Protein backbone atom coordinates (compact mmCIF):
# COMPACT_ATOMS: atom_id res chain seq x y z
CA PRO A 1 88.15 107.88 111.89
CA ARG A 2 90.31 105.87 109.53
CA HIS A 3 92.34 107.56 106.81
CA ARG A 4 94.26 106.26 103.87
CA LYS A 5 97.07 108.12 102.16
CA PRO A 6 98.02 106.59 98.86
CA GLY A 7 100.54 108.25 96.56
CA THR A 8 103.68 107.63 94.55
CA PRO A 9 106.80 106.88 96.67
CA GLY A 10 108.54 110.12 97.67
CA VAL A 11 105.45 112.36 97.82
CA GLY A 12 105.66 112.72 101.62
CA LYS A 13 103.15 110.15 102.91
CA THR A 14 105.29 109.00 105.81
CA THR A 15 106.28 112.50 106.96
CA LEU A 16 102.63 113.59 106.83
CA GLY A 17 101.34 110.39 108.48
CA LYS A 18 103.73 110.56 111.44
CA GLU A 19 103.12 114.28 111.97
CA LEU A 20 99.35 113.72 111.87
CA ALA A 21 99.55 110.84 114.32
CA SER A 22 101.60 112.82 116.82
CA ARG A 23 99.23 115.82 116.63
CA SER A 24 95.92 113.91 116.53
CA GLY A 25 96.59 111.00 118.86
CA LEU A 26 95.53 108.55 116.11
CA LYS A 27 97.57 105.41 115.47
CA TYR A 28 99.96 105.48 112.47
CA ILE A 29 100.61 102.33 110.42
CA ASN A 30 103.16 102.18 107.63
CA VAL A 31 102.20 99.12 105.53
CA GLY A 32 105.74 98.76 104.14
CA ASP A 33 107.18 98.51 107.67
CA LEU A 34 104.39 96.17 108.78
CA ALA A 35 105.14 93.86 105.84
CA LYS A 36 108.87 93.93 106.60
CA GLU A 37 108.37 93.11 110.29
CA GLY A 38 105.92 90.27 109.62
CA GLN A 39 107.60 89.13 106.36
CA LEU A 40 104.22 89.52 104.62
CA TYR A 41 105.61 88.84 101.15
CA ASP A 42 104.89 86.33 98.42
CA GLY A 43 107.94 86.50 96.19
CA TYR A 44 110.52 88.93 94.85
CA ASP A 45 110.26 91.34 91.94
CA GLU A 46 113.61 91.14 90.10
CA GLU A 47 112.78 94.03 87.78
CA TYR A 48 112.10 96.49 90.61
CA ASP A 49 114.53 94.82 92.98
CA CYS A 50 112.02 94.58 95.85
CA PRO A 51 109.85 92.01 97.65
CA MET A 52 106.20 91.61 96.55
CA LEU A 53 103.51 92.27 99.15
CA ASP A 54 101.17 89.44 100.14
CA GLU A 55 98.04 91.60 100.09
CA ASP A 56 95.74 89.02 101.72
CA ARG A 57 98.07 88.58 104.68
CA VAL A 58 98.39 92.36 105.09
CA VAL A 59 94.58 92.69 105.20
CA ASP A 60 94.33 89.85 107.75
CA GLU A 61 97.06 91.43 109.85
CA LEU A 62 95.35 94.85 109.91
CA ASP A 63 91.69 93.90 110.08
CA ASN A 64 91.21 94.03 113.88
CA GLN A 65 92.92 97.40 114.27
CA MET A 66 91.00 98.84 111.33
CA THR A 67 87.68 97.66 112.73
CA GLU A 68 88.46 99.46 116.02
CA GLY A 69 89.25 102.67 114.10
CA GLY A 70 91.42 105.67 114.90
CA VAL A 71 94.07 104.62 112.39
CA ILE A 72 96.13 106.40 109.73
CA VAL A 73 97.34 103.95 107.06
CA ASP A 74 100.32 104.86 104.88
CA TYR A 75 100.89 102.96 101.62
CA HIS A 76 101.34 103.79 97.93
CA GLY A 77 98.55 101.53 96.67
CA CYS A 78 95.01 101.15 97.93
CA ASP A 79 92.96 98.91 95.64
CA PHE A 80 93.27 95.78 97.84
CA PHE A 81 92.07 97.31 101.11
CA PRO A 82 88.41 96.69 102.06
CA GLU A 83 86.30 99.75 101.28
CA ARG A 84 84.69 99.63 104.75
CA TRP A 85 88.07 100.42 106.34
CA PHE A 86 88.25 104.09 105.38
CA HIS A 87 86.23 107.22 106.03
CA VAL A 88 88.54 109.41 103.93
CA VAL A 89 91.40 108.92 101.46
CA PHE A 90 94.05 111.60 100.84
CA VAL A 91 96.22 111.20 97.73
CA LEU A 92 99.42 113.24 97.87
CA ARG A 93 100.74 114.78 94.63
CA THR A 94 104.20 116.19 93.97
CA ASN A 95 105.48 117.92 90.85
CA THR A 96 107.71 115.60 88.83
CA SER A 97 111.01 117.51 89.04
CA GLU A 98 110.78 117.63 92.85
CA LEU A 99 109.73 113.96 92.95
CA TYR A 100 112.62 112.95 90.69
CA LYS A 101 115.10 114.56 93.09
CA ARG A 102 113.55 112.80 96.10
CA LEU A 103 113.56 109.36 94.45
CA GLU A 104 117.08 109.78 93.09
CA THR A 105 118.25 110.50 96.63
CA ARG A 106 116.72 107.15 97.65
CA GLY A 107 118.94 105.40 95.10
CA TYR A 108 116.11 104.09 92.87
CA ASN A 109 117.33 102.33 89.73
CA GLU A 110 116.56 103.92 86.35
CA LYS A 111 113.51 101.74 85.64
CA LYS A 112 112.02 102.31 89.09
CA LEU A 113 112.62 106.07 88.74
CA LYS A 114 111.03 106.27 85.30
CA ASP A 115 107.99 104.16 86.24
CA ASN A 116 107.27 106.09 89.44
CA ILE A 117 107.54 109.44 87.64
CA GLU A 118 105.17 108.16 84.92
CA CYS A 119 102.84 106.90 87.62
CA GLU A 120 102.69 110.44 89.02
CA ILE A 121 102.27 112.10 85.59
CA PHE A 122 99.37 109.82 84.67
CA GLN A 123 97.72 110.16 88.11
CA VAL A 124 97.65 106.36 88.35
CA LEU A 125 97.22 106.27 92.13
CA TYR A 126 94.56 108.98 92.20
CA GLU A 127 92.57 107.02 89.62
CA GLU A 128 93.10 103.80 91.59
CA ALA A 129 91.75 105.56 94.70
CA THR A 130 88.66 106.95 92.94
CA ALA A 131 88.00 103.52 91.42
CA SER A 132 88.33 101.80 94.83
CA TYR A 133 86.37 104.23 97.04
CA LYS A 134 83.39 106.58 96.77
CA GLU A 135 84.66 109.59 94.88
CA GLU A 136 83.48 112.04 97.55
CA ILE A 137 85.85 110.59 100.17
CA VAL A 138 88.96 110.84 97.93
CA HIS A 139 90.91 114.12 98.09
CA GLN A 140 94.15 115.22 96.39
CA LEU A 141 96.70 117.27 98.31
CA SER A 142 99.72 119.04 96.84
CA SER A 143 102.94 118.00 98.61
CA ASN A 144 105.95 119.91 97.23
CA ASN A 145 107.47 121.71 100.22
CA PRO A 146 107.37 122.13 104.03
CA GLU A 147 104.70 124.87 103.80
CA GLU A 148 102.34 122.54 101.93
CA LEU A 149 103.09 119.78 104.44
CA GLU A 150 102.06 122.09 107.30
CA SER A 151 98.93 123.20 105.45
CA ASN A 152 98.00 119.54 104.71
CA VAL A 153 98.46 118.56 108.36
CA ASN A 154 96.21 121.42 109.49
CA GLN A 155 93.58 120.67 106.85
CA ILE A 156 93.41 116.98 107.81
CA LEU A 157 93.35 117.78 111.54
CA LYS A 158 90.33 120.04 110.88
CA TRP A 159 88.70 117.21 108.95
CA ILE A 160 89.31 114.76 111.84
CA GLU A 161 87.89 117.24 114.37
CA GLN A 162 84.78 117.73 112.23
CA TRP A 163 84.35 113.97 111.73
CA VAL A 164 84.61 113.30 115.47
CA LYS A 165 82.11 116.08 116.23
CA VAL A 166 79.53 114.70 113.78
CA HIS A 167 79.95 111.05 114.78
CA ASN A 168 80.14 111.50 118.53
CA SER A 169 77.13 113.77 118.89
């Protein structure tokens, strides 16, 4: 199965993705790291002080692996990925005070902090996910503390197990 975990930066996508990969045997891909390694950028965003992703090149780079399946993809946006890539999409949500602390620790500038917190408040990424994929495959998970992380891992592992059972029978 192929899963997608969009969500605001700092909600715990990477922690969850790596934990899931190690416990499920699926392959984990962090799109940010992939872009950095392959320099898959098309410019620089001065306002946010970060490089801009070349979405077409990212899709080209990932297409073969995604077609094979068995992949967990970690990125904060999802509207440019082909719909056929994913069997399920999990959007992680974190309450704003907890998120603020996490992003502040990362040294985000004021604008980047404010915009990401607003993004979370207005459920921007959840709406992007439901607009990009069939609503029944998009699920929200609360991600505020280690207990919720553990519960999310277990819930997704159960989902994977069920998916494999149904599709390999």
